[in-house]
Amino acid sequence: MAKAFASQGDLTEKKCSFTEIGRDLWAFTAEGDPNTGVIIGDNSVMIVDAQATPRLASLVVEKIRSVTDRPIKYVVLTHYHAVRVLGASAFNASEVISSEKCRSMIVERGQEDWDSEFGRFPRLFQGHASIPGLTWPTLTFSDRMILYLGKRRVDLRSLGRAHTAGDIVAHVPDENVLFTGDIVEYHSACYCGDAHFGDWPQTLAAIREIQPTAIAPGRGSALVGAEQVNSALDNTADFVTSTYRPVSRVARGGGSLKEAWDACRAECDPKFASYAIYEHCLPFNVARAYDEALGLDTPRIWTAQRDREMWDRLQG
């Protein structure tokens, strides 16, 4: 029997957690659904990734109001994907911040990504009618931006390409806590449909050099302490390389996409089949890995139609 397309069969509501991972630093997590980070400064609050809809983002606001009444001033987008950005209006922030590359990707493929992800994740788009449109950054930067929330400093940094070409992290030096977006996952499959496999391990190495005491990953539980942090970095690197290595070998040897799919499954299923959204991600991951192995540096744009065609070709 063919599998339900992407996450259309995943209709079970997830249990939300709100975990303090450093002084006044919080991770909103939901059993493998997209996470949101919360940085509370002396005079304001910064959000890191905004959920898929204002309805979902309002759940984050409720958690924030249980610990502080300070105004939400900034929403930071770690990358452009719809499930991370379209809920931004619920925070009523005065500034939306991203890398310049992220903003250019919204221009290039933001609407297509919205249409694509709407079809993939119906549960995450409940209340979608309240989305006012594409989320447009009001402040951008190339490599690094430093902001102060009163005395609390936040460093926004581009450490390299990984999950997308426009990824950034948010680092809070006074607690040495890092908010990584989907560069790091924990017991959740990495979505690699817009990835740069060749760069991702080096970007993870740059995160490791920071030696953070805690990480709020893109998906999965908050990571506190060196053991959990390093385990997640190792696991994410293993997922990325285990996906790319067999696909690259087949592609460069003249094999078909379907042969690459079979090779990827043979290597990845034993280690990662139980991970959240694993089956959802796999066709998109294999397609992108195959393209990159054949020299296509810029990922092709996913559309609702291309999604279905690739799914039927590989998961059908």
C-alpha atoms as a PDB file:
ATOM      1  CA  MET A   1       0.000   0.000   0.000  1.00  0.00           C
ATOM      2  CA  ALA A   2       1.307   3.459  -0.904  1.00  0.00           C
ATOM      3  CA  LYS A   3       2.217   5.698   2.010  1.00  0.00           C
ATOM      4  CA  ALA A   4       0.149   8.808   2.717  1.00  0.00           C
ATOM      5  CA  PHE A   5       1.772  11.803   1.044  1.00  0.00           C
ATOM      6  CA  ALA A   6       4.406  13.514   3.210  1.00  0.00           C
ATOM      7  CA  SER A   7       2.822  14.221   6.642  1.00  0.00           C
ATOM      8  CA  GLN A   8      -0.807  14.118   5.556  1.00  0.00           C
ATOM      9  CA  GLY A   9      -1.314  10.994   7.644  1.00  0.00           C
ATOM     10  CA  ASP A  10       0.128  12.639  10.771  1.00  0.00           C
ATOM     11  CA  LEU A  11      -2.957  14.128  12.401  1.00  0.00           C
ATOM     12  CA  THR A  12      -2.120  13.513  16.064  1.00  0.00           C
ATOM     13  CA  GLU A  13      -1.642  16.667  18.116  1.00  0.00           C
ATOM     14  CA  LYS A  14       1.745  16.860  19.795  1.00  0.00           C
ATOM     15  CA  LYS A  15       2.467  17.591  23.436  1.00  0.00           C
ATOM     16  CA  CYS A  16       4.170  20.982  23.799  1.00  0.00           C
ATOM     17  CA  SER A  17       7.014  21.603  26.231  1.00  0.00           C
ATOM     18  CA  PHE A  18       8.576  24.867  27.354  1.00  0.00           C
ATOM     19  CA  THR A  19      12.052  24.225  28.718  1.00  0.00           C
ATOM     20  CA  GLU A  20      14.464  26.709  30.259  1.00  0.00           C
ATOM     21  CA  ILE A  21      17.896  25.922  28.813  1.00  0.00           C
ATOM     22  CA  GLY A  22      19.734  28.877  30.363  1.00  0.00           C
ATOM     23  CA  ARG A  23      18.779  31.884  32.450  1.00  0.00           C
ATOM     24  CA  ASP A  24      15.709  33.388  30.747  1.00  0.00           C
ATOM     25  CA  LEU A  25      16.341  31.285  27.631  1.00  0.00           C
ATOM     26  CA  TRP A  26      13.588  28.902  26.574  1.00  0.00           C
ATOM     27  CA  ALA A  27      12.879  26.220  23.987  1.00  0.00           C
ATOM     28  CA  PHE A  28       9.304  25.604  22.856  1.00  0.00           C
ATOM     29  CA  THR A  29       9.262  22.019  21.546  1.00  0.00           C
ATOM     30  CA  ALA A  30       6.524  19.659  20.391  1.00  0.00           C
ATOM     31  CA  GLU A  31       7.635  16.039  19.905  1.00  0.00           C
ATOM     32  CA  GLY A  32       9.346  16.512  16.545  1.00  0.00           C
ATOM     33  CA  ASP A  33       7.247  19.423  15.264  1.00  0.00           C
ATOM     34  CA  PRO A  34       9.096  22.703  14.520  1.00  0.00           C
ATOM     35  CA  ASN A  35      10.606  24.359  17.588  1.00  0.00           C
ATOM     36  CA  THR A  36      10.698  28.021  18.612  1.00  0.00           C
ATOM     37  CA  GLY A  37      13.353  29.684  20.747  1.00  0.00           C
ATOM     38  CA  VAL A  38      12.702  32.466  23.248  1.00  0.00           C
ATOM     39  CA  ILE A  39      15.380  34.886  24.464  1.00  0.00           C
ATOM     40  CA  ILE A  40      14.318  37.181  27.304  1.00  0.00           C
ATOM     41  CA  GLY A  41      16.413  40.279  27.780  1.00  0.00           C
ATOM     42  CA  ASP A  42      16.288  43.059  30.351  1.00  0.00           C
ATOM     43  CA  ASN A  43      13.763  45.092  28.409  1.00  0.00           C
ATOM     44  CA  SER A  44      12.401  42.940  25.590  1.00  0.00           C
ATOM     45  CA  VAL A  45      12.005  39.458  24.109  1.00  0.00           C
ATOM     46  CA  MET A  46      13.438  37.884  20.962  1.00  0.00           C
ATOM     47  CA  ILE A  47      11.772  34.971  19.157  1.00  0.00           C
ATOM     48  CA  VAL A  48      13.814  32.511  17.104  1.00  0.00           C
ATOM     49  CA  ASP A  49      11.579  30.961  14.418  1.00  0.00           C
ATOM     50  CA  ALA A  50       7.914  31.754  14.290  1.00  0.00           C
ATOM     51  CA  GLN A  51       5.866  28.573  13.640  1.00  0.00           C
ATOM     52  CA  ALA A  52       3.683  27.877  10.603  1.00  0.00           C
ATOM     53  CA  THR A  53       0.597  29.926  11.462  1.00  0.00           C
ATOM     54  CA  PRO A  54      -0.431  32.681  13.885  1.00  0.00           C
ATOM     55  CA  ARG A  55      -2.596  30.098  15.666  1.00  0.00           C
ATOM     56  CA  LEU A  56       0.411  27.922  16.449  1.00  0.00           C
ATOM     57  CA  ALA A  57       2.514  30.963  17.318  1.00  0.00           C
ATOM     58  CA  SER A  58      -0.135  32.026  19.844  1.00  0.00           C
ATOM     59  CA  LEU A  59       0.692  28.883  21.831  1.00  0.00           C
ATOM     60  CA  VAL A  60       4.265  30.156  22.110  1.00  0.00           C
ATOM     61  CA  VAL A  61       3.008  33.580  23.208  1.00  0.00           C
ATOM     62  CA  GLU A  62       0.967  31.924  25.981  1.00  0.00           C
ATOM     63  CA  LYS A  63       4.096  30.197  27.281  1.00  0.00           C
ATOM     64  CA  ILE A  64       6.080  33.430  27.128  1.00  0.00           C
ATOM     65  CA  ARG A  65       3.431  35.295  29.106  1.00  0.00           C
ATOM     66  CA  SER A  66       3.669  32.659  31.823  1.00  0.00           C
ATOM     67  CA  VAL A  67       7.252  33.776  32.521  1.00  0.00           C
ATOM     68  CA  THR A  68       7.509  37.450  31.469  1.00  0.00           C
ATOM     69  CA  ASP A  69       5.419  40.450  30.489  1.00  0.00           C
ATOM     70  CA  ARG A  70       8.257  42.144  28.571  1.00  0.00           C
ATOM     71  CA  PRO A  71       7.382  43.157  25.012  1.00  0.00           C
ATOM     72  CA  ILE A  72       8.341  40.961  22.077  1.00  0.00           C
ATOM     73  CA  LYS A  73      10.567  43.195  19.957  1.00  0.00           C
ATOM     74  CA  TYR A  74      12.344  40.853  17.543  1.00  0.00           C
ATOM     75  CA  VAL A  75      11.461  37.785  15.501  1.00  0.00           C
ATOM     76  CA  VAL A  76      14.534  36.067  14.060  1.00  0.00           C
ATOM     77  CA  LEU A  77      14.137  33.710  11.104  1.00  0.00           C
ATOM     78  CA  THR A  78      16.878  31.087  10.950  1.00  0.00           C
ATOM     79  CA  HIS A  79      15.845  30.310   7.346  1.00  0.00           C
ATOM     80  CA  TYR A  80      12.997  30.810   4.902  1.00  0.00           C
ATOM     81  CA  HIS A  81      10.811  27.687   5.180  1.00  0.00           C
ATOM     82  CA  ALA A  82       7.093  28.337   5.580  1.00  0.00           C
ATOM     83  CA  VAL A  83       6.630  26.253   8.735  1.00  0.00           C
ATOM     84  CA  ARG A  84       9.222  28.512  10.398  1.00  0.00           C
ATOM     85  CA  VAL A  85       8.084  31.939   9.294  1.00  0.00           C
ATOM     86  CA  LEU A  86       4.382  32.306   8.451  1.00  0.00           C
ATOM     87  CA  GLY A  87       3.245  32.635  12.075  1.00  0.00           C
ATOM     88  CA  ALA A  88       5.361  35.745  12.683  1.00  0.00           C
ATOM     89  CA  SER A  89       2.451  38.200  12.778  1.00  0.00           C
ATOM     90  CA  ALA A  90       1.172  36.712  16.058  1.00  0.00           C
ATOM     91  CA  PHE A  91       4.169  38.123  17.940  1.00  0.00           C
ATOM     92  CA  ASN A  92       3.523  41.760  16.943  1.00  0.00           C
ATOM     93  CA  ALA A  93       7.274  42.336  16.864  1.00  0.00           C
ATOM     94  CA  SER A  94       8.691  45.632  15.640  1.00  0.00           C
ATOM     95  CA  GLU A  95      11.465  43.926  13.645  1.00  0.00           C
ATOM     96  CA  VAL A  96      11.806  40.670  11.696  1.00  0.00           C
ATOM     97  CA  ILE A  97      15.432  39.686  11.136  1.00  0.00           C
ATOM     98  CA  SER A  98      17.095  37.223   8.779  1.00  0.00           C
ATOM     99  CA  SER A  99      20.203  36.798   6.707  1.00  0.00           C
ATOM    100  CA  GLU A 100      20.230  38.660   3.427  1.00  0.00           C
ATOM    101  CA  LYS A 101      20.378  35.300   1.668  1.00  0.00           C
ATOM    102  CA  CYS A 102      17.263  34.134   3.499  1.00  0.00           C
ATOM    103  CA  ARG A 103      15.367  37.197   2.338  1.00  0.00           C
ATOM    104  CA  SER A 104      16.490  36.651  -1.238  1.00  0.00           C
ATOM    105  CA  MET A 105      15.209  33.078  -1.027  1.00  0.00           C
ATOM    106  CA  ILE A 106      11.812  34.351   0.133  1.00  0.00           C
ATOM    107  CA  VAL A 107      11.777  36.549  -2.969  1.00  0.00           C
ATOM    108  CA  GLU A 108      12.877  33.680  -5.198  1.00  0.00           C
ATOM    109  CA  ARG A 109      10.828  30.777  -3.808  1.00  0.00           C
ATOM    110  CA  GLY A 110       8.824  31.859  -0.765  1.00  0.00           C
ATOM    111  CA  GLN A 111       5.365  31.482  -2.311  1.00  0.00           C
ATOM    112  CA  GLU A 112       6.238  28.152  -3.903  1.00  0.00           C
ATOM    113  CA  ASP A 113       7.518  26.898  -0.557  1.00  0.00           C
ATOM    114  CA  TRP A 114       4.317  28.033   1.188  1.00  0.00           C
ATOM    115  CA  ASP A 115       2.174  26.179  -1.357  1.00  0.00           C
ATOM    116  CA  SER A 116       4.431  23.127  -1.095  1.00  0.00           C
ATOM    117  CA  GLU A 117       4.496  22.911   2.689  1.00  0.00           C
ATOM    118  CA  PHE A 118       0.769  23.601   2.962  1.00  0.00           C
ATOM    119  CA  GLY A 119       0.216  20.347   1.105  1.00  0.00           C
ATOM    120  CA  ARG A 120       2.826  18.429   3.073  1.00  0.00           C
ATOM    121  CA  PHE A 121       1.811  19.441   6.632  1.00  0.00           C
ATOM    122  CA  PRO A 122      -1.975  19.904   6.923  1.00  0.00           C
ATOM    123  CA  ARG A 123      -1.944  19.625  10.738  1.00  0.00           C
ATOM    124  CA  LEU A 124       0.625  22.406  11.059  1.00  0.00           C
ATOM    125  CA  PHE A 125      -1.458  24.740   8.911  1.00  0.00           C
ATOM    126  CA  GLN A 126      -4.626  24.701  10.992  1.00  0.00           C
ATOM    127  CA  GLY A 127      -5.848  28.274  11.139  1.00  0.00           C
ATOM    128  CA  HIS A 128      -4.024  29.109   7.908  1.00  0.00           C
ATOM    129  CA  ALA A 129      -6.632  31.713   6.962  1.00  0.00           C
ATOM    130  CA  SER A 130      -5.093  34.026   9.570  1.00  0.00           C
ATOM    131  CA  ILE A 131      -1.729  34.129   7.765  1.00  0.00           C
ATOM    132  CA  PRO A 132      -1.495  37.671   6.369  1.00  0.00           C
ATOM    133  CA  GLY A 133       0.931  36.760   3.577  1.00  0.00           C
ATOM    134  CA  LEU A 134       4.608  36.032   3.172  1.00  0.00           C
ATOM    135  CA  THR A 135       6.753  37.097   6.123  1.00  0.00           C
ATOM    136  CA  TRP A 136       9.204  39.792   5.011  1.00  0.00           C
ATOM    137  CA  PRO A 137      12.329  40.560   7.049  1.00  0.00           C
ATOM    138  CA  THR A 138      12.755  44.213   7.984  1.00  0.00           C
ATOM    139  CA  LEU A 139      16.439  43.865   8.949  1.00  0.00           C
ATOM    140  CA  THR A 140      19.019  41.682   7.213  1.00  0.00           C
ATOM    141  CA  PHE A 141      22.752  41.037   7.442  1.00  0.00           C
ATOM    142  CA  SER A 142      25.433  39.087   5.604  1.00  0.00           C
ATOM    143  CA  ASP A 143      27.683  37.451   8.191  1.00  0.00           C
ATOM    144  CA  ARG A 144      26.959  38.756  11.685  1.00  0.00           C
ATOM    145  CA  MET A 145      24.661  41.079  13.588  1.00  0.00           C
ATOM    146  CA  ILE A 146      24.920  41.975  17.285  1.00  0.00           C
ATOM    147  CA  LEU A 147      21.811  43.082  19.169  1.00  0.00           C
ATOM    148  CA  TYR A 148      21.303  44.096  22.774  1.00  0.00           C
ATOM    149  CA  LEU A 149      18.152  43.346  24.738  1.00  0.00           C
ATOM    150  CA  GLY A 150      19.115  45.745  27.502  1.00  0.00           C
ATOM    151  CA  LYS A 151      22.391  44.356  28.814  1.00  0.00           C
ATOM    152  CA  ARG A 152      21.858  40.951  27.236  1.00  0.00           C
ATOM    153  CA  ARG A 153      23.817  40.510  24.022  1.00  0.00           C
ATOM    154  CA  VAL A 154      22.637  38.263  21.181  1.00  0.00           C
ATOM    155  CA  ASP A 155      24.938  37.377  18.286  1.00  0.00           C
ATOM    156  CA  LEU A 156      23.242  36.396  15.044  1.00  0.00           C
ATOM    157  CA  ARG A 157      25.711  34.568  12.851  1.00  0.00           C
ATOM    158  CA  SER A 158      25.952  32.849   9.505  1.00  0.00           C
ATOM    159  CA  LEU A 159      28.222  29.867  10.046  1.00  0.00           C
ATOM    160  CA  GLY A 160      27.840  28.337   6.595  1.00  0.00           C
ATOM    161  CA  ARG A 161      25.350  26.607   4.360  1.00  0.00           C
ATOM    162  CA  ALA A 162      23.561  23.545   5.715  1.00  0.00           C
ATOM    163  CA  HIS A 163      19.782  23.024   5.832  1.00  0.00           C
ATOM    164  CA  THR A 164      19.504  25.935   3.368  1.00  0.00           C
ATOM    165  CA  ALA A 165      21.877  28.475   1.861  1.00  0.00           C
ATOM    166  CA  GLY A 166      20.614  31.205   4.211  1.00  0.00           C
ATOM    167  CA  ASP A 167      20.873  29.532   7.627  1.00  0.00           C
ATOM    168  CA  ILE A 168      21.799  31.514  10.713  1.00  0.00           C
ATOM    169  CA  VAL A 169      22.145  30.776  14.425  1.00  0.00           C
ATOM    170  CA  ALA A 170      21.469  32.921  17.490  1.00  0.00           C
ATOM    171  CA  HIS A 171      24.095  32.801  20.238  1.00  0.00           C
ATOM    172  CA  VAL A 172      23.616  34.224  23.739  1.00  0.00           C
ATOM    173  CA  PRO A 173      27.161  34.610  25.108  1.00  0.00           C
ATOM    174  CA  ASP A 174      26.322  35.238  28.768  1.00  0.00           C
ATOM    175  CA  GLU A 175      24.906  31.700  29.038  1.00  0.00           C
ATOM    176  CA  ASN A 176      26.701  30.252  25.968  1.00  0.00           C
ATOM    177  CA  VAL A 177      23.385  28.957  24.620  1.00  0.00           C
ATOM    178  CA  LEU A 178      22.765  28.462  20.912  1.00  0.00           C
ATOM    179  CA  PHE A 179      19.558  28.461  18.874  1.00  0.00           C
ATOM    180  CA  THR A 180      20.377  26.591  15.666  1.00  0.00           C
ATOM    181  CA  GLY A 181      17.195  26.224  13.658  1.00  0.00           C
ATOM    182  CA  ASP A 182      17.275  23.126  11.462  1.00  0.00           C
ATOM    183  CA  ILE A 183      21.053  22.975  11.213  1.00  0.00           C
ATOM    184  CA  VAL A 184      20.797  20.663  14.243  1.00  0.00           C
ATOM    185  CA  GLU A 185      18.030  18.120  14.898  1.00  0.00           C
ATOM    186  CA  TYR A 186      17.533  15.672  17.752  1.00  0.00           C
ATOM    187  CA  HIS A 187      15.942  12.284  17.039  1.00  0.00           C
ATOM    188  CA  SER A 188      14.131  13.859  14.124  1.00  0.00           C
ATOM    189  CA  ALA A 189      14.982  13.400  10.470  1.00  0.00           C
ATOM    190  CA  CYS A 190      16.836  16.252   8.805  1.00  0.00           C
ATOM    191  CA  TYR A 191      14.888  17.705   5.906  1.00  0.00           C
ATOM    192  CA  CYS A 192      17.482  18.057   3.157  1.00  0.00           C
ATOM    193  CA  GLY A 193      15.374  19.030   0.155  1.00  0.00           C
ATOM    194  CA  ASP A 194      17.039  22.466   0.010  1.00  0.00           C
ATOM    195  CA  ALA A 195      20.307  21.442   1.622  1.00  0.00           C
ATOM    196  CA  HIS A 196      23.976  21.759   0.831  1.00  0.00           C
ATOM    197  CA  PHE A 197      25.301  18.359   1.840  1.00  0.00           C
ATOM    198  CA  GLY A 198      28.920  19.196   1.130  1.00  0.00           C
ATOM    199  CA  ASP A 199      28.856  22.210   3.464  1.00  0.00           C
ATOM    200  CA  TRP A 200      26.630  20.937   6.275  1.00  0.00           C
ATOM    201  CA  PRO A 201      29.317  18.960   8.191  1.00  0.00           C
ATOM    202  CA  GLN A 202      31.625  22.000   8.265  1.00  0.00           C
ATOM    203  CA  THR A 203      28.799  24.159   9.574  1.00  0.00           C
ATOM    204  CA  LEU A 204      28.194  21.620  12.347  1.00  0.00           C
ATOM    205  CA  ALA A 205      31.929  21.743  13.110  1.00  0.00           C
ATOM    206  CA  ALA A 206      31.680  25.530  13.459  1.00  0.00           C
ATOM    207  CA  ILE A 207      28.875  25.053  15.984  1.00  0.00           C
ATOM    208  CA  ARG A 208      30.981  22.532  17.880  1.00  0.00           C
ATOM    209  CA  GLU A 209      33.819  25.075  18.105  1.00  0.00           C
ATOM    210  CA  ILE A 210      31.507  27.386  20.073  1.00  0.00           C
ATOM    211  CA  GLN A 211      31.124  24.594  22.667  1.00  0.00           C
ATOM    212  CA  PRO A 212      27.607  25.675  23.664  1.00  0.00           C
ATOM    213  CA  THR A 213      26.299  24.596  27.052  1.00  0.00           C
ATOM    214  CA  ALA A 214      22.839  24.098  25.555  1.00  0.00           C
ATOM    215  CA  ILE A 215      21.147  24.069  22.159  1.00  0.00           C
ATOM    216  CA  ALA A 216      17.584  24.640  21.064  1.00  0.00           C
ATOM    217  CA  PRO A 217      17.499  22.515  17.870  1.00  0.00           C
ATOM    218  CA  GLY A 218      15.116  22.863  14.964  1.00  0.00           C
ATOM    219  CA  ARG A 219      13.164  19.745  15.915  1.00  0.00           C
ATOM    220  CA  GLY A 220      13.323  17.436  18.906  1.00  0.00           C
ATOM    221  CA  SER A 221      13.957  17.981  22.589  1.00  0.00           C
ATOM    222  CA  ALA A 222      16.018  20.795  24.044  1.00  0.00           C
ATOM    223  CA  LEU A 223      19.662  19.816  24.558  1.00  0.00           C
ATOM    224  CA  VAL A 224      21.290  20.738  27.855  1.00  0.00           C
ATOM    225  CA  GLY A 225      24.846  19.828  28.773  1.00  0.00           C
ATOM    226  CA  ALA A 226      27.878  18.837  26.734  1.00  0.00           C
ATOM    227  CA  GLU A 227      26.846  15.192  26.425  1.00  0.00           C
ATOM    228  CA  GLN A 228      23.468  15.947  24.835  1.00  0.00           C
ATOM    229  CA  VAL A 229      24.875  18.749  22.677  1.00  0.00           C
ATOM    230  CA  ASN A 230      27.675  16.618  21.269  1.00  0.00           C
ATOM    231  CA  SER A 231      25.374  13.635  20.783  1.00  0.00           C
ATOM    232  CA  ALA A 232      22.991  15.762  18.696  1.00  0.00           C
ATOM    233  CA  LEU A 233      25.836  17.213  16.630  1.00  0.00           C
ATOM    234  CA  ASP A 234      27.216  13.722  15.992  1.00  0.00           C
ATOM    235  CA  ASN A 235      23.781  12.372  15.144  1.00  0.00           C
ATOM    236  CA  THR A 236      22.937  15.196  12.750  1.00  0.00           C
ATOM    237  CA  ALA A 237      26.275  14.805  10.975  1.00  0.00           C
ATOM    238  CA  ASP A 238      25.715  11.067  10.703  1.00  0.00           C
ATOM    239  CA  PHE A 239      22.255  11.580   9.210  1.00  0.00           C
ATOM    240  CA  VAL A 240      23.525  14.030   6.608  1.00  0.00           C
ATOM    241  CA  THR A 241      26.541  11.959   5.555  1.00  0.00           C
ATOM    242  CA  SER A 242      24.622   8.679   5.624  1.00  0.00           C
ATOM    243  CA  THR A 243      22.074  10.190   3.270  1.00  0.00           C
ATOM    244  CA  TYR A 244      24.528  11.780   0.858  1.00  0.00           C
ATOM    245  CA  ARG A 245      27.222   9.094   0.673  1.00  0.00           C
ATOM    246  CA  PRO A 246      25.185   6.270  -0.936  1.00  0.00           C
ATOM    247  CA  VAL A 247      23.204   8.605  -3.190  1.00  0.00           C
ATOM    248  CA  SER A 248      26.391  10.299  -4.405  1.00  0.00           C
ATOM    249  CA  ARG A 249      28.037   6.951  -5.110  1.00  0.00           C
ATOM    250  CA  VAL A 250      25.105   5.821  -7.264  1.00  0.00           C
ATOM    251  CA  ALA A 251      24.647   9.170  -9.052  1.00  0.00           C
ATOM    252  CA  ARG A 252      28.312   9.572  -9.943  1.00  0.00           C
ATOM    253  CA  GLY A 253      28.407   5.977 -11.111  1.00  0.00           C
ATOM    254  CA  GLY A 254      25.668   6.625 -13.628  1.00  0.00           C
ATOM    255  CA  GLY A 255      22.891   4.975 -11.615  1.00  0.00           C
ATOM    256  CA  SER A 256      19.247   6.055 -11.597  1.00  0.00           C
ATOM    257  CA  LEU A 257      17.418   8.078  -8.980  1.00  0.00           C
ATOM    258  CA  LYS A 258      15.503   4.953  -7.975  1.00  0.00           C
ATOM    259  CA  GLU A 259      18.764   3.074  -7.487  1.00  0.00           C
ATOM    260  CA  ALA A 260      20.008   5.953  -5.335  1.00  0.00           C
ATOM    261  CA  TRP A 261      16.788   5.726  -3.323  1.00  0.00           C
ATOM    262  CA  ASP A 262      17.329   2.026  -2.661  1.00  0.00           C
ATOM    263  CA  ALA A 263      20.956   2.630  -1.642  1.00  0.00           C
ATOM    264  CA  CYS A 264      19.964   5.421   0.720  1.00  0.00           C
ATOM    265  CA  ARG A 265      17.291   3.313   2.359  1.00  0.00           C
ATOM    266  CA  ALA A 266      19.723   0.450   2.838  1.00  0.00           C
ATOM    267  CA  GLU A 267      22.101   2.704   4.759  1.00  0.00           C
ATOM    268  CA  CYS A 268      19.660   4.977   6.596  1.00  0.00           C
ATOM    269  CA  ASP A 269      16.665   2.804   7.498  1.00  0.00           C
ATOM    270  CA  PRO A 270      18.494   0.731  10.142  1.00  0.00           C
ATOM    271  CA  LYS A 271      19.608   3.892  11.968  1.00  0.00           C
ATOM    272  CA  PHE A 272      16.898   6.473  11.393  1.00  0.00           C
ATOM    273  CA  ALA A 273      13.607   4.831  10.386  1.00  0.00           C
ATOM    274  CA  SER A 274      12.067   5.535  13.816  1.00  0.00           C
ATOM    275  CA  TYR A 275      12.826   9.268  13.668  1.00  0.00           C
ATOM    276  CA  ALA A 276      10.078  11.875  13.373  1.00  0.00           C
ATOM    277  CA  ILE A 277       9.207  12.792   9.744  1.00  0.00           C
ATOM    278  CA  TYR A 278      11.702  10.268   8.380  1.00  0.00           C
ATOM    279  CA  GLU A 279       9.457   8.851   5.657  1.00  0.00           C
ATOM    280  CA  HIS A 280       8.222  12.358   4.874  1.00  0.00           C
ATOM    281  CA  CYS A 281      11.742  13.680   4.270  1.00  0.00           C
ATOM    282  CA  LEU A 282      13.303  10.771   2.432  1.00  0.00           C
ATOM    283  CA  PRO A 283      12.146  11.378  -1.181  1.00  0.00           C
ATOM    284  CA  PHE A 284      13.064  15.066  -1.022  1.00  0.00           C
ATOM    285  CA  ASN A 285      16.411  14.273   0.599  1.00  0.00           C
ATOM    286  CA  VAL A 286      17.342  11.701  -2.017  1.00  0.00           C
ATOM    287  CA  ALA A 287      16.302  13.971  -4.889  1.00  0.00           C
ATOM    288  CA  ARG A 288      18.426  16.846  -3.600  1.00  0.00           C
ATOM    289  CA  ALA A 289      21.417  14.602  -2.813  1.00  0.00           C
ATOM    290  CA  TYR A 290      21.259  13.171  -6.340  1.00  0.00           C
ATOM    291  CA  ASP A 291      21.215  16.659  -7.859  1.00  0.00           C
ATOM    292  CA  GLU A 292      24.102  17.882  -5.731  1.00  0.00           C
ATOM    293  CA  ALA A 293      26.183  14.822  -6.532  1.00  0.00           C
ATOM    294  CA  LEU A 294      25.759  15.652 -10.234  1.00  0.00           C
ATOM    295  CA  GLY A 295      26.933  19.231  -9.706  1.00  0.00           C
ATOM    296  CA  LEU A 296      23.716  21.217  -9.185  1.00  0.00           C
ATOM    297  CA  ASP A 297      24.777  23.683  -6.494  1.00  0.00           C
ATOM    298  CA  THR A 298      21.529  25.649  -6.143  1.00  0.00           C
ATOM    299  CA  PRO A 299      18.627  23.419  -5.062  1.00  0.00           C
ATOM    300  CA  ARG A 300      15.738  23.255  -7.472  1.00  0.00           C
ATOM    301  CA  ILE A 301      12.548  24.921  -6.268  1.00  0.00           C
ATOM    302  CA  TRP A 302       9.982  22.574  -4.785  1.00  0.00           C
ATOM    303  CA  THR A 303       6.418  23.170  -5.915  1.00  0.00           C
ATOM    304  CA  ALA A 304       3.235  21.385  -4.930  1.00  0.00           C
ATOM    305  CA  GLN A 305       3.276  19.604  -8.288  1.00  0.00           C
ATOM    306  CA  ARG A 306       6.929  18.600  -8.089  1.00  0.00           C
ATOM    307  CA  ASP A 307       6.365  17.340  -4.537  1.00  0.00           C
ATOM    308  CA  ARG A 308       3.667  14.940  -5.691  1.00  0.00           C
ATOM    309  CA  GLU A 309       5.609  13.769  -8.705  1.00  0.00           C
ATOM    310  CA  MET A 310       8.702  12.981  -6.630  1.00  0.00           C
ATOM    311  CA  TRP A 311       6.667  11.276  -3.926  1.00  0.00           C
ATOM    312  CA  ASP A 312       4.860   9.057  -6.423  1.00  0.00           C
ATOM    313  CA  ARG A 313       8.122   8.224  -8.123  1.00  0.00           C
ATOM    314  CA  LEU A 314       9.932   7.146  -4.963  1.00  0.00           C
ATOM    315  CA  GLN A 315       7.390   6.468  -2.206  1.00  0.00           C
ATOM    316  CA  GLY A 316       4.453   5.438  -4.390  1.00  0.00           C
END
